[in-house]
Amino acid sequence: ADHEALAALFVTLFMDQHDRVPARIILDVDATDDRIHGHQEGRAFHGYYGHNCYLPLYVFCGDHLLSASLRTADRD
């Protein structure tokens, strides 16, 4: 897969929803737990959630997803 092209697709789809470039956007950056079971590579125990998980990072503008990154839970 072309990861750069996939990452750019989210932004392209967002821009296609507007007739012109927005003067201002507000980004919502959010991480949430993605619980895992077993011994997957990169698993980590997260004390706040109380289980092994990944901690994907999402960036939204309103209802539009602009970015999604799968991360291990041993980071902020």
PDB file of N, CA and C in Angstrom:
ATOM      1  N   ALA A   1       0.836  -1.188   0.000  1.00  0.00           N
ATOM      2  CA  ALA A   1       0.000   0.000   0.000  1.00  0.00           C
ATOM      3  C   ALA A   1       0.879   1.249   0.000  1.00  0.00           C
ATOM      4  N   ASP A   2       0.389   2.286  -0.609  1.00  0.00           N
ATOM      5  CA  ASP A   2       1.069   3.575  -0.613  1.00  0.00           C
ATOM      6  C   ASP A   2       0.564   4.365   0.593  1.00  0.00           C
ATOM      7  N   HIS A   3       1.287   4.283   1.707  1.00  0.00           N
ATOM      8  CA  HIS A   3       0.837   4.875   2.966  1.00  0.00           C
ATOM      9  C   HIS A   3       0.715   6.386   2.890  1.00  0.00           C
ATOM     10  N   GLU A   4       1.602   7.035   2.173  1.00  0.00           N
ATOM     11  CA  GLU A   4       1.520   8.496   2.033  1.00  0.00           C
ATOM     12  C   GLU A   4       0.264   8.895   1.272  1.00  0.00           C
ATOM     13  N   ALA A   5      -0.066   8.149   0.237  1.00  0.00           N
ATOM     14  CA  ALA A   5      -1.274   8.445  -0.538  1.00  0.00           C
ATOM     15  C   ALA A   5      -2.527   8.221   0.301  1.00  0.00           C
ATOM     16  N   LEU A   6      -2.524   7.163   1.115  1.00  0.00           N
ATOM     17  CA  LEU A   6      -3.674   6.908   1.981  1.00  0.00           C
ATOM     18  C   LEU A   6      -3.830   8.015   3.020  1.00  0.00           C
ATOM     19  N   ALA A   7      -2.731   8.480   3.589  1.00  0.00           N
ATOM     20  CA  ALA A   7      -2.789   9.564   4.567  1.00  0.00           C
ATOM     21  C   ALA A   7      -3.309  10.841   3.921  1.00  0.00           C
ATOM     22  N   ALA A   8      -2.880  11.129   2.707  1.00  0.00           N
ATOM     23  CA  ALA A   8      -3.331  12.331   2.001  1.00  0.00           C
ATOM     24  C   ALA A   8      -4.801  12.228   1.600  1.00  0.00           C
ATOM     25  N   LEU A   9      -5.308  11.022   1.421  1.00  0.00           N
ATOM     26  CA  LEU A   9      -6.693  10.830   1.007  1.00  0.00           C
ATOM     27  C   LEU A   9      -7.666  11.442   2.006  1.00  0.00           C
ATOM     28  N   PHE A  10      -7.431  11.282   3.306  1.00  0.00           N
ATOM     29  CA  PHE A  10      -8.326  11.848   4.315  1.00  0.00           C
ATOM     30  C   PHE A  10      -8.455  13.355   4.149  1.00  0.00           C
ATOM     31  N   VAL A  11      -7.344  14.028   3.947  1.00  0.00           N
ATOM     32  CA  VAL A  11      -7.346  15.482   3.793  1.00  0.00           C
ATOM     33  C   VAL A  11      -8.016  15.868   2.470  1.00  0.00           C
ATOM     34  N   THR A  12      -7.737  15.127   1.415  1.00  0.00           N
ATOM     35  CA  THR A  12      -8.359  15.402   0.120  1.00  0.00           C
ATOM     36  C   THR A  12      -9.873  15.272   0.198  1.00  0.00           C
ATOM     37  N   LEU A  13     -10.356  14.218   0.836  1.00  0.00           N
ATOM     38  CA  LEU A  13     -11.805  14.034   0.982  1.00  0.00           C
ATOM     39  C   LEU A  13     -12.423  15.160   1.804  1.00  0.00           C
ATOM     40  N   PHE A  14     -11.709  15.622   2.837  1.00  0.00           N
ATOM     41  CA  PHE A  14     -12.182  16.741   3.645  1.00  0.00           C
ATOM     42  C   PHE A  14     -12.291  18.002   2.789  1.00  0.00           C
ATOM     43  N   MET A  15     -11.258  18.285   2.010  1.00  0.00           N
ATOM     44  CA  MET A  15     -11.261  19.496   1.184  1.00  0.00           C
ATOM     45  C   MET A  15     -12.335  19.420   0.093  1.00  0.00           C
ATOM     46  N   ASP A  16     -12.608  18.228  -0.426  1.00  0.00           N
ATOM     47  CA  ASP A  16     -13.636  18.063  -1.452  1.00  0.00           C
ATOM     48  C   ASP A  16     -15.036  18.386  -0.926  1.00  0.00           C
ATOM     49  N   GLN A  17     -15.228  18.383   0.374  1.00  0.00           N
ATOM     50  CA  GLN A  17     -16.525  18.688   0.978  1.00  0.00           C
ATOM     51  C   GLN A  17     -16.802  20.186   1.031  1.00  0.00           C
ATOM     52  N   HIS A  18     -15.824  21.006   0.677  1.00  0.00           N
ATOM     53  CA  HIS A  18     -15.961  22.461   0.759  1.00  0.00           C
ATOM     54  C   HIS A  18     -15.818  23.079  -0.630  1.00  0.00           C
ATOM     55  N   ASP A  19     -16.627  24.092  -0.887  1.00  0.00           N
ATOM     56  CA  ASP A  19     -16.536  24.810  -2.157  1.00  0.00           C
ATOM     57  C   ASP A  19     -15.263  25.637  -2.242  1.00  0.00           C
ATOM     58  N   ARG A  20     -14.795  26.115  -1.094  1.00  0.00           N
ATOM     59  CA  ARG A  20     -13.539  26.875  -1.036  1.00  0.00           C
ATOM     60  C   ARG A  20     -12.803  26.510   0.249  1.00  0.00           C
ATOM     61  N   VAL A  21     -11.562  26.857   0.304  1.00  0.00           N
ATOM     62  CA  VAL A  21     -10.736  26.527   1.463  1.00  0.00           C
ATOM     63  C   VAL A  21     -11.298  27.233   2.697  1.00  0.00           C
ATOM     64  N   PRO A  22     -11.550  26.505   3.791  1.00  0.00           N
ATOM     65  CA  PRO A  22     -12.051  27.151   5.004  1.00  0.00           C
ATOM     66  C   PRO A  22     -11.057  28.188   5.525  1.00  0.00           C
ATOM     67  N   ALA A  23     -11.575  29.297   6.010  1.00  0.00           N
ATOM     68  CA  ALA A  23     -10.716  30.346   6.566  1.00  0.00           C
ATOM     69  C   ALA A  23     -10.057  29.875   7.854  1.00  0.00           C
ATOM     70  N   ARG A  24     -10.732  29.015   8.580  1.00  0.00           N
ATOM     71  CA  ARG A  24     -10.210  28.511   9.851  1.00  0.00           C
ATOM     72  C   ARG A  24     -10.780  27.125  10.096  1.00  0.00           C
ATOM     73  N   ILE A  25      -9.951  26.245  10.643  1.00  0.00           N
ATOM     74  CA  ILE A  25     -10.433  24.924  11.037  1.00  0.00           C
ATOM     75  C   ILE A  25     -10.009  24.669  12.483  1.00  0.00           C
ATOM     76  N   ILE A  26     -10.777  23.858  13.159  1.00  0.00           N
ATOM     77  CA  ILE A  26     -10.465  23.450  14.528  1.00  0.00           C
ATOM     78  C   ILE A  26     -10.220  21.953  14.503  1.00  0.00           C
ATOM     79  N   LEU A  27      -9.040  21.557  14.957  1.00  0.00           N
ATOM     80  CA  LEU A  27      -8.666  20.147  14.961  1.00  0.00           C
ATOM     81  C   LEU A  27      -8.906  19.541  16.333  1.00  0.00           C
ATOM     82  N   ASP A  28      -9.451  18.354  16.355  1.00  0.00           N
ATOM     83  CA  ASP A  28      -9.641  17.585  17.577  1.00  0.00           C
ATOM     84  C   ASP A  28      -8.694  16.396  17.504  1.00  0.00           C
ATOM     85  N   VAL A  29      -7.694  16.369  18.375  1.00  0.00           N
ATOM     86  CA  VAL A  29      -6.715  15.288  18.420  1.00  0.00           C
ATOM     87  C   VAL A  29      -7.091  14.387  19.587  1.00  0.00           C
ATOM     88  N   ASP A  30      -7.323  13.118  19.309  1.00  0.00           N
ATOM     89  CA  ASP A  30      -7.838  12.215  20.334  1.00  0.00           C
ATOM     90  C   ASP A  30      -7.173  10.847  20.215  1.00  0.00           C
ATOM     91  N   ALA A  31      -6.752  10.332  21.343  1.00  0.00           N
ATOM     92  CA  ALA A  31      -6.259   8.957  21.427  1.00  0.00           C
ATOM     93  C   ALA A  31      -7.279   8.145  22.215  1.00  0.00           C
ATOM     94  N   THR A  32      -7.479   6.914  21.824  1.00  0.00           N
ATOM     95  CA  THR A  32      -8.396   6.045  22.546  1.00  0.00           C
ATOM     96  C   THR A  32      -7.840   4.629  22.534  1.00  0.00           C
ATOM     97  N   ASP A  33      -8.264   3.841  23.492  1.00  0.00           N
ATOM     98  CA  ASP A  33      -7.703   2.494  23.590  1.00  0.00           C
ATOM     99  C   ASP A  33      -8.336   1.550  22.580  1.00  0.00           C
ATOM    100  N   ASP A  34      -7.520   0.665  22.071  1.00  0.00           N
ATOM    101  CA  ASP A  34      -7.950  -0.422  21.200  1.00  0.00           C
ATOM    102  C   ASP A  34      -7.458  -1.702  21.872  1.00  0.00           C
ATOM    103  N   ARG A  35      -8.337  -2.288  22.681  1.00  0.00           N
ATOM    104  CA  ARG A  35      -7.976  -3.440  23.509  1.00  0.00           C
ATOM    105  C   ARG A  35      -7.499  -4.603  22.650  1.00  0.00           C
ATOM    106  N   ILE A  36      -6.436  -5.264  23.117  1.00  0.00           N
ATOM    107  CA  ILE A  36      -5.919  -6.430  22.405  1.00  0.00           C
ATOM    108  C   ILE A  36      -5.867  -7.622  23.349  1.00  0.00           C
ATOM    109  N   HIS A  37      -5.892  -8.780  22.770  1.00  0.00           N
ATOM    110  CA  HIS A  37      -5.835 -10.032  23.514  1.00  0.00           C
ATOM    111  C   HIS A  37      -4.713 -10.871  22.912  1.00  0.00           C
ATOM    112  N   GLY A  38      -3.999 -11.580  23.724  1.00  0.00           N
ATOM    113  CA  GLY A  38      -2.905 -12.389  23.211  1.00  0.00           C
ATOM    114  C   GLY A  38      -1.582 -11.650  23.294  1.00  0.00           C
ATOM    115  N   HIS A  39      -0.675 -12.007  22.429  1.00  0.00           N
ATOM    116  CA  HIS A  39       0.699 -11.486  22.499  1.00  0.00           C
ATOM    117  C   HIS A  39       1.087 -10.759  21.219  1.00  0.00           C
ATOM    118  N   GLN A  40       0.254  -9.810  20.784  1.00  0.00           N
ATOM    119  CA  GLN A  40       0.558  -9.052  19.575  1.00  0.00           C
ATOM    120  C   GLN A  40       1.812  -8.210  19.775  1.00  0.00           C
ATOM    121  N   GLU A  41       2.550  -8.042  18.679  1.00  0.00           N
ATOM    122  CA  GLU A  41       3.737  -7.199  18.703  1.00  0.00           C
ATOM    123  C   GLU A  41       3.342  -5.768  19.061  1.00  0.00           C
ATOM    124  N   GLY A  42       4.098  -5.158  19.952  1.00  0.00           N
ATOM    125  CA  GLY A  42       3.845  -3.770  20.332  1.00  0.00           C
ATOM    126  C   GLY A  42       2.793  -3.592  21.409  1.00  0.00           C
ATOM    127  N   ARG A  43       2.285  -4.683  21.958  1.00  0.00           N
ATOM    128  CA  ARG A  43       1.268  -4.533  22.998  1.00  0.00           C
ATOM    129  C   ARG A  43       1.893  -3.918  24.234  1.00  0.00           C
ATOM    130  N   ALA A  44       1.097  -3.196  24.995  1.00  0.00           N
ATOM    131  CA  ALA A  44       1.576  -2.595  26.236  1.00  0.00           C
ATOM    132  C   ALA A  44       0.393  -2.427  27.171  1.00  0.00           C
ATOM    133  N   PHE A  45       0.660  -2.546  28.462  1.00  0.00           N
ATOM    134  CA  PHE A  45      -0.373  -2.329  29.463  1.00  0.00           C
ATOM    135  C   PHE A  45      -0.507  -0.833  29.695  1.00  0.00           C
ATOM    136  N   HIS A  46      -1.737  -0.344  29.667  1.00  0.00           N
ATOM    137  CA  HIS A  46      -1.994   1.069  29.915  1.00  0.00           C
ATOM    138  C   HIS A  46      -2.750   1.169  31.238  1.00  0.00           C
ATOM    139  N   GLY A  47      -2.156   1.844  32.216  1.00  0.00           N
ATOM    140  CA  GLY A  47      -2.725   1.929  33.548  1.00  0.00           C
ATOM    141  C   GLY A  47      -4.080   2.615  33.610  1.00  0.00           C
ATOM    142  N   TYR A  48      -4.297   3.619  32.776  1.00  0.00           N
ATOM    143  CA  TYR A  48      -5.577   4.335  32.803  1.00  0.00           C
ATOM    144  C   TYR A  48      -6.712   3.420  32.363  1.00  0.00           C
ATOM    145  N   TYR A  49      -6.486   2.669  31.298  1.00  0.00           N
ATOM    146  CA  TYR A  49      -7.534   1.785  30.781  1.00  0.00           C
ATOM    147  C   TYR A  49      -7.545   0.440  31.491  1.00  0.00           C
ATOM    148  N   GLY A  50      -6.429   0.048  32.105  1.00  0.00           N
ATOM    149  CA  GLY A  50      -6.377  -1.171  32.892  1.00  0.00           C
ATOM    150  C   GLY A  50      -6.267  -2.456  32.096  1.00  0.00           C
ATOM    151  N   HIS A  51      -5.754  -2.373  30.873  1.00  0.00           N
ATOM    152  CA  HIS A  51      -5.576  -3.582  30.072  1.00  0.00           C
ATOM    153  C   HIS A  51      -4.514  -3.340  29.002  1.00  0.00           C
ATOM    154  N   ASN A  52      -4.113  -4.431  28.331  1.00  0.00           N
ATOM    155  CA  ASN A  52      -3.194  -4.328  27.205  1.00  0.00           C
ATOM    156  C   ASN A  52      -3.951  -3.759  26.012  1.00  0.00           C
ATOM    157  N   CYS A  53      -3.306  -2.855  25.307  1.00  0.00           N
ATOM    158  CA  CYS A  53      -3.987  -2.219  24.185  1.00  0.00           C
ATOM    159  C   CYS A  53      -2.984  -1.536  23.269  1.00  0.00           C
ATOM    160  N   TYR A  54      -3.488  -1.096  22.140  1.00  0.00           N
ATOM    161  CA  TYR A  54      -2.803  -0.117  21.307  1.00  0.00           C
ATOM    162  C   TYR A  54      -3.474   1.219  21.621  1.00  0.00           C
ATOM    163  N   LEU A  55      -2.847   2.309  21.271  1.00  0.00           N
ATOM    164  CA  LEU A  55      -3.396   3.628  21.565  1.00  0.00           C
ATOM    165  C   LEU A  55      -3.394   4.465  20.280  1.00  0.00           C
ATOM    166  N   PRO A  56      -4.338   4.173  19.360  1.00  0.00           N
ATOM    167  CA  PRO A  56      -4.354   4.903  18.106  1.00  0.00           C
ATOM    168  C   PRO A  56      -4.633   6.392  18.327  1.00  0.00           C
ATOM    169  N   LEU A  57      -4.045   7.206  17.466  1.00  0.00           N
ATOM    170  CA  LEU A  57      -4.221   8.652  17.526  1.00  0.00           C
ATOM    171  C   LEU A  57      -5.047   9.076  16.321  1.00  0.00           C
ATOM    172  N   TYR A  58      -6.128   9.805  16.585  1.00  0.00           N
ATOM    173  CA  TYR A  58      -7.025  10.280  15.535  1.00  0.00           C
ATOM    174  C   TYR A  58      -7.013  11.801  15.508  1.00  0.00           C
ATOM    175  N   VAL A  59      -7.118  12.370  14.316  1.00  0.00           N
ATOM    176  CA  VAL A  59      -7.262  13.816  14.162  1.00  0.00           C
ATOM    177  C   VAL A  59      -8.539  14.048  13.355  1.00  0.00           C
ATOM    178  N   PHE A  60      -9.477  14.790  13.960  1.00  0.00           N
ATOM    179  CA  PHE A  60     -10.750  15.107  13.331  1.00  0.00           C
ATOM    180  C   PHE A  60     -10.873  16.607  13.129  1.00  0.00           C
ATOM    181  N   CYS A  61     -11.648  16.976  12.131  1.00  0.00           N
ATOM    182  CA  CYS A  61     -12.126  18.346  11.980  1.00  0.00           C
ATOM    183  C   CYS A  61     -13.628  18.210  11.826  1.00  0.00           C
ATOM    184  N   GLY A  62     -14.358  18.532  12.874  1.00  0.00           N
ATOM    185  CA  GLY A  62     -15.802  18.276  12.877  1.00  0.00           C
ATOM    186  C   GLY A  62     -16.031  16.780  12.804  1.00  0.00           C
ATOM    187  N   ASP A  63     -16.832  16.350  11.842  1.00  0.00           N
ATOM    188  CA  ASP A  63     -17.117  14.918  11.658  1.00  0.00           C
ATOM    189  C   ASP A  63     -16.137  14.239  10.714  1.00  0.00           C
ATOM    190  N   HIS A  64     -15.174  14.983  10.193  1.00  0.00           N
ATOM    191  CA  HIS A  64     -14.254  14.457   9.183  1.00  0.00           C
ATOM    192  C   HIS A  64     -12.965  13.929   9.820  1.00  0.00           C
ATOM    193  N   LEU A  65     -12.650  12.678   9.540  1.00  0.00           N
ATOM    194  CA  LEU A  65     -11.387  12.096   9.978  1.00  0.00           C
ATOM    195  C   LEU A  65     -10.284  12.568   9.039  1.00  0.00           C
ATOM    196  N   LEU A  66      -9.249  13.197   9.591  1.00  0.00           N
ATOM    197  CA  LEU A  66      -8.134  13.689   8.781  1.00  0.00           C
ATOM    198  C   LEU A  66      -6.913  12.804   8.877  1.00  0.00           C
ATOM    199  N   SER A  67      -6.765  12.085   9.998  1.00  0.00           N
ATOM    200  CA  SER A  67      -5.584  11.253  10.192  1.00  0.00           C
ATOM    201  C   SER A  67      -5.887  10.180  11.228  1.00  0.00           C
ATOM    202  N   ALA A  68      -5.291   9.014  11.020  1.00  0.00           N
ATOM    203  CA  ALA A  68      -5.398   7.915  11.977  1.00  0.00           C
ATOM    204  C   ALA A  68      -4.057   7.201  12.011  1.00  0.00           C
ATOM    205  N   SER A  69      -3.485   7.080  13.198  1.00  0.00           N
ATOM    206  CA  SER A  69      -2.178   6.426  13.350  1.00  0.00           C
ATOM    207  C   SER A  69      -2.272   5.392  14.454  1.00  0.00           C
ATOM    208  N   LEU A  70      -1.916   4.148  14.125  1.00  0.00           N
ATOM    209  CA  LEU A  70      -1.903   3.101  15.138  1.00  0.00           C
ATOM    210  C   LEU A  70      -0.595   3.220  15.918  1.00  0.00           C
ATOM    211  N   ARG A  71      -0.722   3.358  17.246  1.00  0.00           N
ATOM    212  CA  ARG A  71       0.450   3.516  18.108  1.00  0.00           C
ATOM    213  C   ARG A  71       0.362   2.513  19.248  1.00  0.00           C
ATOM    214  N   THR A  72       1.517   2.185  19.801  1.00  0.00           N
ATOM    215  CA  THR A  72       1.523   1.335  20.992  1.00  0.00           C
ATOM    216  C   THR A  72       1.081   2.170  22.188  1.00  0.00           C
ATOM    217  N   ALA A  73       0.657   1.500  23.254  1.00  0.00           N
ATOM    218  CA  ALA A  73       0.099   2.189  24.422  1.00  0.00           C
ATOM    219  C   ALA A  73       1.166   2.673  25.388  1.00  0.00           C
ATOM    220  N   ASP A  74       2.437   2.467  25.091  1.00  0.00           N
ATOM    221  CA  ASP A  74       3.487   2.893  26.010  1.00  0.00           C
ATOM    222  C   ASP A  74       4.015   4.287  25.670  1.00  0.00           C
ATOM    223  N   ARG A  75       3.181   5.128  25.105  1.00  0.00           N
ATOM    224  CA  ARG A  75       3.562   6.502  24.765  1.00  0.00           C
ATOM    225  C   ARG A  75       2.408   7.438  25.088  1.00  0.00           C
ATOM    226  N   ASP A  76       2.705   8.718  25.155  1.00  0.00           N
ATOM    227  CA  ASP A  76       1.664   9.733  25.403  1.00  0.00           C
ATOM    228  C   ASP A  76       0.995  10.096  24.116  1.00  0.00           C
TER     229      ASP A  76
END
